[in-house]
C-alpha atoms as a PDB file:
ATOM      1  CA  UNK A   1      72.993  -7.279 116.739  1.00  0.00           C
ATOM      2  CA  UNK A   2      70.851  -8.620 113.896  1.00  0.00           C
ATOM      3  CA  UNK A   3      67.710  -8.149 116.006  1.00  0.00           C
ATOM      4  CA  UNK A   4      68.323  -4.420 116.249  1.00  0.00           C
ATOM      5  CA  UNK A   5      66.997  -2.035 113.627  1.00  0.00           C
ATOM      6  CA  UNK A   6      69.285   0.465 111.905  1.00  0.00           C
ATOM      7  CA  UNK A   7      68.610   3.313 114.351  1.00  0.00           C
ATOM      8  CA  UNK A   8      69.474   1.238 117.420  1.00  0.00           C
ATOM      9  CA  UNK A   9      72.683  -0.004 115.829  1.00  0.00           C
ATOM     10  CA  UNK A  10      73.631   3.628 115.226  1.00  0.00           C
ATOM     11  CA  UNK A  11      73.106   4.411 118.913  1.00  0.00           C
ATOM     12  CA  UNK A  12      75.512   1.620 119.842  1.00  0.00           C
ATOM     13  CA  UNK A  13      78.207   3.137 117.637  1.00  0.00           C
ATOM     14  CA  UNK A  14      77.944   6.559 119.266  1.00  0.00           C
ATOM     15  CA  UNK A  15      77.742   5.106 122.800  1.00  0.00           C
ATOM     16  CA  UNK A  16      81.560   5.139 123.425  1.00  0.00           C
ATOM     17  CA  UNK A  17      81.802   8.788 122.328  1.00  0.00           C
ATOM     18  CA  UNK A  18      78.808   9.702 124.484  1.00  0.00           C
ATOM     19  CA  UNK A  19      80.339   7.935 127.499  1.00  0.00           C
ATOM     20  CA  UNK A  20      83.640   9.744 126.937  1.00  0.00           C
ATOM     21  CA  UNK A  21      81.922  13.147 126.705  1.00  0.00           C
ATOM     22  CA  UNK A  22      79.759  12.407 129.738  1.00  0.00           C
ATOM     23  CA  UNK A  23      82.757  11.657 131.951  1.00  0.00           C
ATOM     24  CA  UNK A  24      85.147  14.350 130.716  1.00  0.00           C
ATOM     25  CA  UNK A  25      82.806  17.156 129.585  1.00  0.00           C
ATOM     26  CA  UNK A  26      79.209  16.938 130.836  1.00  0.00           C
ATOM     27  CA  UNK A  27      79.969  15.823 134.406  1.00  0.00           C
ATOM     28  CA  UNK A  28      82.638  18.521 135.056  1.00  0.00           C
ATOM     29  CA  UNK A  29      80.303  21.205 133.655  1.00  0.00           C
ATOM     30  CA  UNK A  30      77.395  20.117 135.862  1.00  0.00           C
ATOM     31  CA  UNK A  31      79.635  19.707 138.933  1.00  0.00           C
ATOM     32  CA  UNK A  32      81.196  23.142 138.350  1.00  0.00           C
ATOM     33  CA  UNK A  33      77.729  24.691 138.006  1.00  0.00           C
ATOM     34  CA  UNK A  34      76.580  23.178 141.309  1.00  0.00           C
ATOM     35  CA  UNK A  35      79.866  24.142 142.993  1.00  0.00           C
ATOM     36  CA  UNK A  36      79.340  27.791 142.103  1.00  0.00           C
ATOM     37  CA  UNK A  37      76.197  27.907 144.319  1.00  0.00           C
ATOM     38  CA  UNK A  38      77.925  26.397 147.361  1.00  0.00           C
ATOM     39  CA  UNK A  39      80.333  27.656 149.997  1.00  0.00           C
ATOM     40  CA  UNK A  40      83.452  25.670 149.117  1.00  0.00           C
ATOM     41  CA  UNK A  41      86.869  26.751 150.324  1.00  0.00           C
ATOM     42  CA  UNK A  42      89.874  25.112 151.920  1.00  0.00           C
ATOM     43  CA  UNK A  43      87.920  24.546 155.154  1.00  0.00           C
ATOM     44  CA  UNK A  44      84.777  23.020 153.627  1.00  0.00           C
ATOM     45  CA  UNK A  45      86.212  21.194 150.607  1.00  0.00           C
ATOM     46  CA  UNK A  46      86.200  17.775 152.288  1.00  0.00           C
ATOM     47  CA  UNK A  47      82.834  18.154 154.025  1.00  0.00           C
ATOM     48  CA  UNK A  48      80.236  15.604 153.003  1.00  0.00           C
ATOM     49  CA  UNK A  49      77.488  18.227 152.976  1.00  0.00           C
ATOM     50  CA  UNK A  50      78.282  21.729 151.727  1.00  0.00           C
ATOM     51  CA  UNK A  51      76.192  24.812 152.428  1.00  0.00           C
ATOM     52  CA  UNK A  52      74.321  26.374 149.528  1.00  0.00           C
ATOM     53  CA  UNK A  53      74.733  30.133 149.327  1.00  0.00           C
ATOM     54  CA  UNK A  54      72.949  30.398 145.981  1.00  0.00           C
ATOM     55  CA  UNK A  55      73.836  33.703 144.249  1.00  0.00           C
ATOM     56  CA  UNK A  56      76.178  35.062 146.933  1.00  0.00           C
ATOM     57  CA  UNK A  57      79.276  33.854 145.075  1.00  0.00           C
ATOM     58  CA  UNK A  58      78.078  35.424 141.832  1.00  0.00           C
ATOM     59  CA  UNK A  59      77.331  38.736 143.578  1.00  0.00           C
ATOM     60  CA  UNK A  60      80.761  38.843 145.197  1.00  0.00           C
ATOM     61  CA  UNK A  61      82.607  37.983 141.982  1.00  0.00           C
ATOM     62  CA  UNK A  62      80.570  40.291 139.742  1.00  0.00           C
ATOM     63  CA  UNK A  63      81.035  43.272 142.074  1.00  0.00           C
ATOM     64  CA  UNK A  64      84.801  42.848 142.365  1.00  0.00           C
ATOM     65  CA  UNK A  65      87.259  44.985 140.430  1.00  0.00           C
ATOM     66  CA  UNK A  66      89.334  41.875 139.709  1.00  0.00           C
ATOM     67  CA  UNK A  67      86.651  40.416 137.428  1.00  0.00           C
ATOM     68  CA  UNK A  68      86.369  43.576 135.335  1.00  0.00           C
ATOM     69  CA  UNK A  69      90.143  43.795 135.131  1.00  0.00           C
ATOM     70  CA  UNK A  70      90.390  40.191 133.930  1.00  0.00           C
ATOM     71  CA  UNK A  71      87.589  40.665 131.376  1.00  0.00           C
ATOM     72  CA  UNK A  72      89.238  43.829 130.047  1.00  0.00           C
ATOM     73  CA  UNK A  73      92.635  42.136 129.780  1.00  0.00           C
ATOM     74  CA  UNK A  74      91.066  39.079 128.109  1.00  0.00           C
ATOM     75  CA  UNK A  75      89.408  41.269 125.481  1.00  0.00           C
ATOM     76  CA  UNK A  76      92.624  43.225 124.851  1.00  0.00           C
ATOM     77  CA  UNK A  77      94.667  40.025 124.652  1.00  0.00           C
ATOM     78  CA  UNK A  78      92.175  38.322 122.337  1.00  0.00           C
ATOM     79  CA  UNK A  79      91.706  41.332 120.047  1.00  0.00           C
ATOM     80  CA  UNK A  80      95.375  41.954 119.318  1.00  0.00           C
ATOM     81  CA  UNK A  81      96.210  38.247 119.026  1.00  0.00           C
ATOM     82  CA  UNK A  82      93.386  37.614 116.554  1.00  0.00           C
ATOM     83  CA  UNK A  83      94.107  40.716 114.441  1.00  0.00           C
ATOM     84  CA  UNK A  84      97.803  39.935 113.981  1.00  0.00           C
ATOM     85  CA  UNK A  85      97.430  36.145 113.763  1.00  0.00           C
ATOM     86  CA  UNK A  86      94.763  36.417 111.091  1.00  0.00           C
ATOM     87  CA  UNK A  87      96.481  39.165 109.088  1.00  0.00           C
ATOM     88  CA  UNK A  88      99.889  37.486 109.025  1.00  0.00           C
ATOM     89  CA  UNK A  89      98.374  34.037 108.512  1.00  0.00           C
ATOM     90  CA  UNK A  90      96.288  35.311 105.602  1.00  0.00           C
ATOM     91  CA  UNK A  91      99.296  36.963 103.941  1.00  0.00           C
ATOM     92  CA  UNK A  92     101.375  33.800 104.358  1.00  0.00           C
ATOM     93  CA  UNK A  93      98.543  31.683 102.936  1.00  0.00           C
ATOM     94  CA  UNK A  94      98.471  33.923  99.865  1.00  0.00           C
ATOM     95  CA  UNK A  95     102.256  33.818  99.575  1.00  0.00           C
ATOM     96  CA  UNK A  96     102.634  30.031  99.860  1.00  0.00           C
ATOM     97  CA  UNK A  97      99.541  28.902  97.943  1.00  0.00           C
ATOM     98  CA  UNK A  98     101.671  27.758  95.010  1.00  0.00           C
ATOM     99  CA  UNK A  99     102.261  23.992  94.910  1.00  0.00           C
ATOM    100  CA  UNK A 100     106.017  23.922  94.378  1.00  0.00           C
ATOM    101  CA  UNK A 101     108.607  21.960  96.347  1.00  0.00           C
ATOM    102  CA  UNK A 102     110.156  25.067  97.898  1.00  0.00           C
ATOM    103  CA  UNK A 103     106.796  26.502  98.956  1.00  0.00           C
ATOM    104  CA  UNK A 104     105.677  23.175 100.435  1.00  0.00           C
ATOM    105  CA  UNK A 105     108.921  23.051 102.425  1.00  0.00           C
ATOM    106  CA  UNK A 106     108.357  26.594 103.713  1.00  0.00           C
ATOM    107  CA  UNK A 107     104.777  25.764 104.706  1.00  0.00           C
ATOM    108  CA  UNK A 108     106.006  22.732 106.634  1.00  0.00           C
ATOM    109  CA  UNK A 109     108.678  24.860 108.311  1.00  0.00           C
ATOM    110  CA  UNK A 110     106.094  27.421 109.391  1.00  0.00           C
ATOM    111  CA  UNK A 111     104.059  24.685 111.111  1.00  0.00           C
ATOM    112  CA  UNK A 112     106.730  24.301 113.811  1.00  0.00           C
ATOM    113  CA  UNK A 113     105.277  26.997 116.118  1.00  0.00           C
ATOM    114  CA  UNK A 114     101.879  25.263 115.959  1.00  0.00           C
ATOM    115  CA  UNK A 115     103.333  21.828 116.726  1.00  0.00           C
ATOM    116  CA  UNK A 116     105.367  22.984 119.735  1.00  0.00           C
ATOM    117  CA  UNK A 117     103.390  22.633 123.016  1.00  0.00           C
ATOM    118  CA  UNK A 118     102.302  25.958 124.574  1.00  0.00           C
ATOM    119  CA  UNK A 119     104.403  25.309 127.676  1.00  0.00           C
ATOM    120  CA  UNK A 120     107.571  24.922 125.611  1.00  0.00           C
ATOM    121  CA  UNK A 121     106.686  28.061 123.631  1.00  0.00           C
ATOM    122  CA  UNK A 122     106.227  29.960 126.904  1.00  0.00           C
ATOM    123  CA  UNK A 123     109.610  28.819 128.224  1.00  0.00           C
ATOM    124  CA  UNK A 124     111.342  29.846 124.992  1.00  0.00           C
ATOM    125  CA  UNK A 125     109.749  33.308 124.981  1.00  0.00           C
ATOM    126  CA  UNK A 126     110.358  33.750 128.702  1.00  0.00           C
ATOM    127  CA  UNK A 127     114.059  33.321 127.993  1.00  0.00           C
ATOM    128  CA  UNK A 128     113.752  35.494 124.877  1.00  0.00           C
ATOM    129  CA  UNK A 129     112.262  38.377 126.927  1.00  0.00           C
ATOM    130  CA  UNK A 130     114.322  37.920 130.113  1.00  0.00           C
ATOM    131  CA  UNK A 131     116.134  40.975 131.471  1.00  0.00           C
ATOM    132  CA  UNK A 132     119.564  39.415 131.875  1.00  0.00           C
ATOM    133  CA  UNK A 133     120.749  37.148 129.097  1.00  0.00           C
ATOM    134  CA  UNK A 134     117.575  37.564 127.075  1.00  0.00           C
ATOM    135  CA  UNK A 135     118.143  37.380 123.340  1.00  0.00           C
ATOM    136  CA  UNK A 136     115.971  40.400 122.555  1.00  0.00           C
ATOM    137  CA  UNK A 137     117.681  42.688 125.062  1.00  0.00           C
ATOM    138  CA  UNK A 138     121.111  41.580 123.868  1.00  0.00           C
ATOM    139  CA  UNK A 139     120.198  42.334 120.238  1.00  0.00           C
ATOM    140  CA  UNK A 140     118.787  45.747 121.136  1.00  0.00           C
ATOM    141  CA  UNK A 141     121.880  46.642 123.175  1.00  0.00           C
ATOM    142  CA  UNK A 142     124.273  45.445 120.462  1.00  0.00           C
ATOM    143  CA  UNK A 143     122.510  47.471 117.771  1.00  0.00           C
ATOM    144  CA  UNK A 144     122.289  50.539 119.993  1.00  0.00           C
ATOM    145  CA  UNK A 145     118.499  50.648 119.778  1.00  0.00           C
ATOM    146  CA  UNK A 146     118.276  51.027 123.583  1.00  0.00           C
ATOM    147  CA  UNK A 147     120.657  52.259 126.270  1.00  0.00           C
ATOM    148  CA  UNK A 148     119.508  49.898 129.034  1.00  0.00           C
ATOM    149  CA  UNK A 149     117.812  46.547 129.328  1.00  0.00           C
ATOM    150  CA  UNK A 150     114.024  46.530 129.006  1.00  0.00           C
ATOM    151  CA  UNK A 151     112.047  44.700 131.694  1.00  0.00           C
ATOM    152  CA  UNK A 152     109.722  42.960 129.256  1.00  0.00           C
ATOM    153  CA  UNK A 153     107.976  40.708 131.768  1.00  0.00           C
ATOM    154  CA  UNK A 154     108.224  42.960 134.824  1.00  0.00           C
ATOM    155  CA  UNK A 155     106.074  45.924 133.743  1.00  0.00           C
ATOM    156  CA  UNK A 156     102.297  45.332 133.327  1.00  0.00           C
ATOM    157  CA  UNK A 157     101.753  46.912 129.886  1.00  0.00           C
ATOM    158  CA  UNK A 158     104.997  45.613 128.399  1.00  0.00           C
ATOM    159  CA  UNK A 159     104.314  42.155 129.864  1.00  0.00           C
ATOM    160  CA  UNK A 160     100.915  42.071 128.145  1.00  0.00           C
ATOM    161  CA  UNK A 161     102.553  43.011 124.843  1.00  0.00           C
ATOM    162  CA  UNK A 162     105.132  40.239 125.385  1.00  0.00           C
ATOM    163  CA  UNK A 163     102.577  37.464 125.949  1.00  0.00           C
ATOM    164  CA  UNK A 164     100.563  38.746 122.959  1.00  0.00           C
ATOM    165  CA  UNK A 165     103.668  38.440 120.761  1.00  0.00           C
ATOM    166  CA  UNK A 166     104.277  34.899 122.011  1.00  0.00           C
ATOM    167  CA  UNK A 167     100.682  33.884 121.289  1.00  0.00           C
ATOM    168  CA  UNK A 168     100.745  35.490 117.852  1.00  0.00           C
ATOM    169  CA  UNK A 169     103.857  33.497 116.963  1.00  0.00           C
ATOM    170  CA  UNK A 170     102.248  30.201 117.973  1.00  0.00           C
ATOM    171  CA  UNK A 171      98.866  30.964 116.367  1.00  0.00           C
ATOM    172  CA  UNK A 172      99.927  32.149 112.914  1.00  0.00           C
ATOM    173  CA  UNK A 173     100.298  28.603 111.458  1.00  0.00           C
ATOM    174  CA  UNK A 174      96.741  27.692 112.527  1.00  0.00           C
ATOM    175  CA  UNK A 175      95.337  30.621 110.547  1.00  0.00           C
ATOM    176  CA  UNK A 176      97.617  29.902 107.599  1.00  0.00           C
ATOM    177  CA  UNK A 177      96.591  26.225 107.385  1.00  0.00           C
ATOM    178  CA  UNK A 178      92.833  26.836 107.408  1.00  0.00           C
ATOM    179  CA  UNK A 179      93.024  29.756 104.992  1.00  0.00           C
ATOM    180  CA  UNK A 180      95.349  27.828 102.664  1.00  0.00           C
ATOM    181  CA  UNK A 181      92.756  25.063 102.508  1.00  0.00           C
ATOM    182  CA  UNK A 182      90.124  27.609 101.520  1.00  0.00           C
ATOM    183  CA  UNK A 183      92.381  29.087  98.844  1.00  0.00           C
ATOM    184  CA  UNK A 184      92.843  25.714  97.158  1.00  0.00           C
ATOM    185  CA  UNK A 185      89.065  25.451  96.706  1.00  0.00           C
ATOM    186  CA  UNK A 186      88.827  28.662  94.669  1.00  0.00           C
ATOM    187  CA  UNK A 187      88.570  27.779  90.945  1.00  0.00           C
ATOM    188  CA  UNK A 188      91.444  29.082  88.797  1.00  0.00           C
ATOM    189  CA  UNK A 189      88.891  30.016  86.129  1.00  0.00           C
ATOM    190  CA  UNK A 190      87.741  32.944  88.257  1.00  0.00           C
ATOM    191  CA  UNK A 191      91.226  34.458  88.283  1.00  0.00           C
ATOM    192  CA  UNK A 192      91.665  33.769  84.569  1.00  0.00           C
ATOM    193  CA  UNK A 193      88.417  35.590  83.793  1.00  0.00           C
ATOM    194  CA  UNK A 194      89.511  38.472  85.995  1.00  0.00           C
ATOM    195  CA  UNK A 195      92.836  38.681  84.112  1.00  0.00           C
ATOM    196  CA  UNK A 196      90.973  38.861  80.820  1.00  0.00           C
ATOM    197  CA  UNK A 197      88.839  41.706  82.192  1.00  0.00           C
ATOM    198  CA  UNK A 198      92.002  43.557  83.224  1.00  0.00           C
ATOM    199  CA  UNK A 199      91.597  43.230  87.003  1.00  0.00           C
ATOM    200  CA  UNK A 200      94.681  43.974  89.102  1.00  0.00           C
ATOM    201  CA  UNK A 201      95.893  42.069  92.175  1.00  0.00           C
ATOM    202  CA  UNK A 202      93.962  44.175  94.682  1.00  0.00           C
ATOM    203  CA  UNK A 203      90.731  43.883  92.710  1.00  0.00           C
ATOM    204  CA  UNK A 204      91.085  40.093  92.478  1.00  0.00           C
ATOM    205  CA  UNK A 205      91.763  39.953  96.205  1.00  0.00           C
ATOM    206  CA  UNK A 206      88.733  42.079  97.118  1.00  0.00           C
ATOM    207  CA  UNK A 207      86.214  40.704  94.603  1.00  0.00           C
ATOM    208  CA  UNK A 208      87.282  37.048  94.295  1.00  0.00           C
ATOM    209  CA  UNK A 209      89.579  35.795  97.056  1.00  0.00           C
ATOM    210  CA  UNK A 210      87.942  37.323 100.126  1.00  0.00           C
ATOM    211  CA  UNK A 211      84.301  36.572  99.106  1.00  0.00           C
ATOM    212  CA  UNK A 212      85.213  32.965  98.261  1.00  0.00           C
ATOM    213  CA  UNK A 213      86.999  32.631 101.613  1.00  0.00           C
ATOM    214  CA  UNK A 214      84.087  34.044 103.645  1.00  0.00           C
ATOM    215  CA  UNK A 215      83.228  30.711 105.311  1.00  0.00           C
ATOM    216  CA  UNK A 216      86.876  29.924 106.062  1.00  0.00           C
ATOM    217  CA  UNK A 217      87.457  33.419 107.463  1.00  0.00           C
ATOM    218  CA  UNK A 218      84.460  33.140 109.797  1.00  0.00           C
ATOM    219  CA  UNK A 219      85.621  29.717 111.017  1.00  0.00           C
ATOM    220  CA  UNK A 220      89.185  30.928 111.590  1.00  0.00           C
ATOM    221  CA  UNK A 221      88.052  34.013 113.505  1.00  0.00           C
ATOM    222  CA  UNK A 222      85.568  32.173 115.735  1.00  0.00           C
ATOM    223  CA  UNK A 223      87.957  29.323 116.527  1.00  0.00           C
ATOM    224  CA  UNK A 224      90.726  31.839 117.107  1.00  0.00           C
ATOM    225  CA  UNK A 225      88.598  33.770 119.601  1.00  0.00           C
ATOM    226  CA  UNK A 226      87.656  30.575 121.464  1.00  0.00           C
ATOM    227  CA  UNK A 227      91.230  29.283 121.639  1.00  0.00           C
ATOM    228  CA  UNK A 228      92.624  32.671 122.681  1.00  0.00           C
ATOM    229  CA  UNK A 229      89.926  33.267 125.313  1.00  0.00           C
ATOM    230  CA  UNK A 230      90.793  29.994 127.038  1.00  0.00           C
ATOM    231  CA  UNK A 231      94.551  30.445 126.779  1.00  0.00           C
ATOM    232  CA  UNK A 232      96.223  29.451 130.044  1.00  0.00           C
ATOM    233  CA  UNK A 233      99.576  27.635 129.840  1.00  0.00           C
ATOM    234  CA  UNK A 234     101.436  30.257 127.842  1.00  0.00           C
ATOM    235  CA  UNK A 235     100.585  33.179 130.133  1.00  0.00           C
ATOM    236  CA  UNK A 236     100.884  31.163 133.332  1.00  0.00           C
ATOM    237  CA  UNK A 237     104.412  29.980 132.521  1.00  0.00           C
ATOM    238  CA  UNK A 238     105.573  33.388 131.258  1.00  0.00           C
ATOM    239  CA  UNK A 239     104.082  35.719 133.879  1.00  0.00           C
ATOM    240  CA  UNK A 240     101.627  33.744 136.100  1.00  0.00           C
ATOM    241  CA  UNK A 241      99.199  36.635 135.583  1.00  0.00           C
ATOM    242  CA  UNK A 242     101.630  39.303 136.780  1.00  0.00           C
ATOM    243  CA  UNK A 243     103.163  41.690 137.234  1.00  0.00           C
ATOM    244  CA  UNK A 244     100.549  43.400 139.423  1.00  0.00           C
ATOM    245  CA  UNK A 245      97.836  41.344 137.672  1.00  0.00           C
ATOM    246  CA  UNK A 246      98.860  42.970 134.387  1.00  0.00           C
ATOM    247  CA  UNK A 247      98.313  39.743 132.408  1.00  0.00           C
ATOM    248  CA  UNK A 248      95.631  38.151 134.586  1.00  0.00           C
ATOM    249  CA  UNK A 249      93.110  37.109 131.942  1.00  0.00           C
ATOM    250  CA  UNK A 250      89.991  35.182 132.983  1.00  0.00           C
ATOM    251  CA  UNK A 251      91.530  31.701 132.906  1.00  0.00           C
ATOM    252  CA  UNK A 252      94.414  32.837 135.114  1.00  0.00           C
ATOM    253  CA  UNK A 253      92.003  34.672 137.419  1.00  0.00           C
ATOM    254  CA  UNK A 254      89.871  31.545 137.797  1.00  0.00           C
ATOM    255  CA  UNK A 255      92.917  29.369 138.491  1.00  0.00           C
ATOM    256  CA  UNK A 256      94.374  31.749 141.101  1.00  0.00           C
ATOM    257  CA  UNK A 257      91.012  32.115 142.824  1.00  0.00           C
ATOM    258  CA  UNK A 258      90.604  28.347 143.051  1.00  0.00           C
ATOM    259  CA  UNK A 259      94.134  27.073 143.676  1.00  0.00           C
ATOM    260  CA  UNK A 260      95.989  30.042 145.170  1.00  0.00           C
ATOM    261  CA  UNK A 261      93.261  31.635 147.284  1.00  0.00           C
ATOM    262  CA  UNK A 262      91.517  28.247 147.666  1.00  0.00           C
ATOM    263  CA  UNK A 263      88.086  29.735 147.060  1.00  0.00           C
ATOM    264  CA  UNK A 264      86.863  26.959 144.803  1.00  0.00           C
ATOM    265  CA  UNK A 265      83.267  28.185 144.579  1.00  0.00           C
ATOM    266  CA  UNK A 266      84.216  31.627 143.287  1.00  0.00           C
ATOM    267  CA  UNK A 267      86.717  30.028 140.913  1.00  0.00           C
ATOM    268  CA  UNK A 268      83.811  27.975 139.560  1.00  0.00           C
ATOM    269  CA  UNK A 269      81.792  31.182 139.111  1.00  0.00           C
ATOM    270  CA  UNK A 270      84.539  32.741 136.979  1.00  0.00           C
ATOM    271  CA  UNK A 271      84.759  29.558 134.898  1.00  0.00           C
ATOM    272  CA  UNK A 272      81.005  29.625 134.351  1.00  0.00           C
ATOM    273  CA  UNK A 273      81.125  33.252 133.198  1.00  0.00           C
ATOM    274  CA  UNK A 274      83.867  32.344 130.728  1.00  0.00           C
ATOM    275  CA  UNK A 275      81.818  29.351 129.554  1.00  0.00           C
ATOM    276  CA  UNK A 276      78.746  31.537 128.943  1.00  0.00           C
ATOM    277  CA  UNK A 277      80.790  34.005 126.874  1.00  0.00           C
ATOM    278  CA  UNK A 278      82.249  31.238 124.710  1.00  0.00           C
ATOM    279  CA  UNK A 279      78.854  29.535 124.465  1.00  0.00           C
ATOM    280  CA  UNK A 280      77.284  32.665 122.964  1.00  0.00           C
ATOM    281  CA  UNK A 281      80.208  33.039 120.572  1.00  0.00           C
ATOM    282  CA  UNK A 282      79.545  29.478 119.445  1.00  0.00           C
ATOM    283  CA  UNK A 283      75.838  30.217 118.987  1.00  0.00           C
ATOM    284  CA  UNK A 284      76.638  33.257 116.843  1.00  0.00           C
ATOM    285  CA  UNK A 285      78.894  31.106 114.666  1.00  0.00           C
ATOM    286  CA  UNK A 286      76.222  28.402 114.282  1.00  0.00           C
ATOM    287  CA  UNK A 287      73.671  31.053 113.328  1.00  0.00           C
ATOM    288  CA  UNK A 288      76.026  32.428 110.648  1.00  0.00           C
ATOM    289  CA  UNK A 289      76.540  28.922 109.238  1.00  0.00           C
ATOM    290  CA  UNK A 290      72.800  28.269 109.160  1.00  0.00           C
ATOM    291  CA  UNK A 291      72.194  31.522 107.258  1.00  0.00           C
ATOM    292  CA  UNK A 292      74.799  30.542 104.684  1.00  0.00           C
ATOM    293  CA  UNK A 293      73.173  27.131 104.202  1.00  0.00           C
ATOM    294  CA  UNK A 294      69.747  28.772 103.740  1.00  0.00           C
ATOM    295  CA  UNK A 295      71.176  31.066 101.067  1.00  0.00           C
ATOM    296  CA  UNK A 296      72.773  28.117  99.287  1.00  0.00           C
END
């Protein structure tokens, strides 16, 4: 080790992380990319040599109505989840920013949805929205809000609303945590000066809190979009993409194409399209960060 200069020693330290990423990230990405140009289904999966069909898989996937349906549902799902998760998380961050024992306890209590695994959350909400014995239907019937049980997970539009509600519930703490961290970094002197100038709560929110939280807000929104776009377990356990493909977002569509229809090549194509979308979202975020650093 003593014969190595500082740069080479640094390479040795990052070698385990590079090996880990190569095996679990880079290799699957490259293999999936190659797979998308081959004819790979249940009949050819075990063949030593697979036929290359080049762009045929991409043409077939991109001209199918199923892809456009999954993209549309993914955008709808992501939009409503992000809007409500961010709004509620931001309001809770403002509410519980005080460092008192009771507020710290409430913040810890609100972390429970984030700690619970997505599969467990899906099972809980599947029971919550079930037709017979479901808590929500029982409450609505007892209060007289409805005359008959609502089929929450059996009608396409209502099923989409149900999985959105479940995802919002599990994602609120994530937004609250990151925004709370940003709030603690805002100097109290700014609010004190605003009080002296006679600013009200809304004015302090618009002219102090939100501008100071700009970096945190961008990070929360970008990470939220990425996490919501690749959501799988919650929807798969609750609806498996149904009913009538009413909740078949891109991750579910890719899974069903690969492991239900056994068309692994086209499943790889859908995964690659999803990867490209998220890759460009990441590039946009990096560009925004670079602009902020140049201004600073």
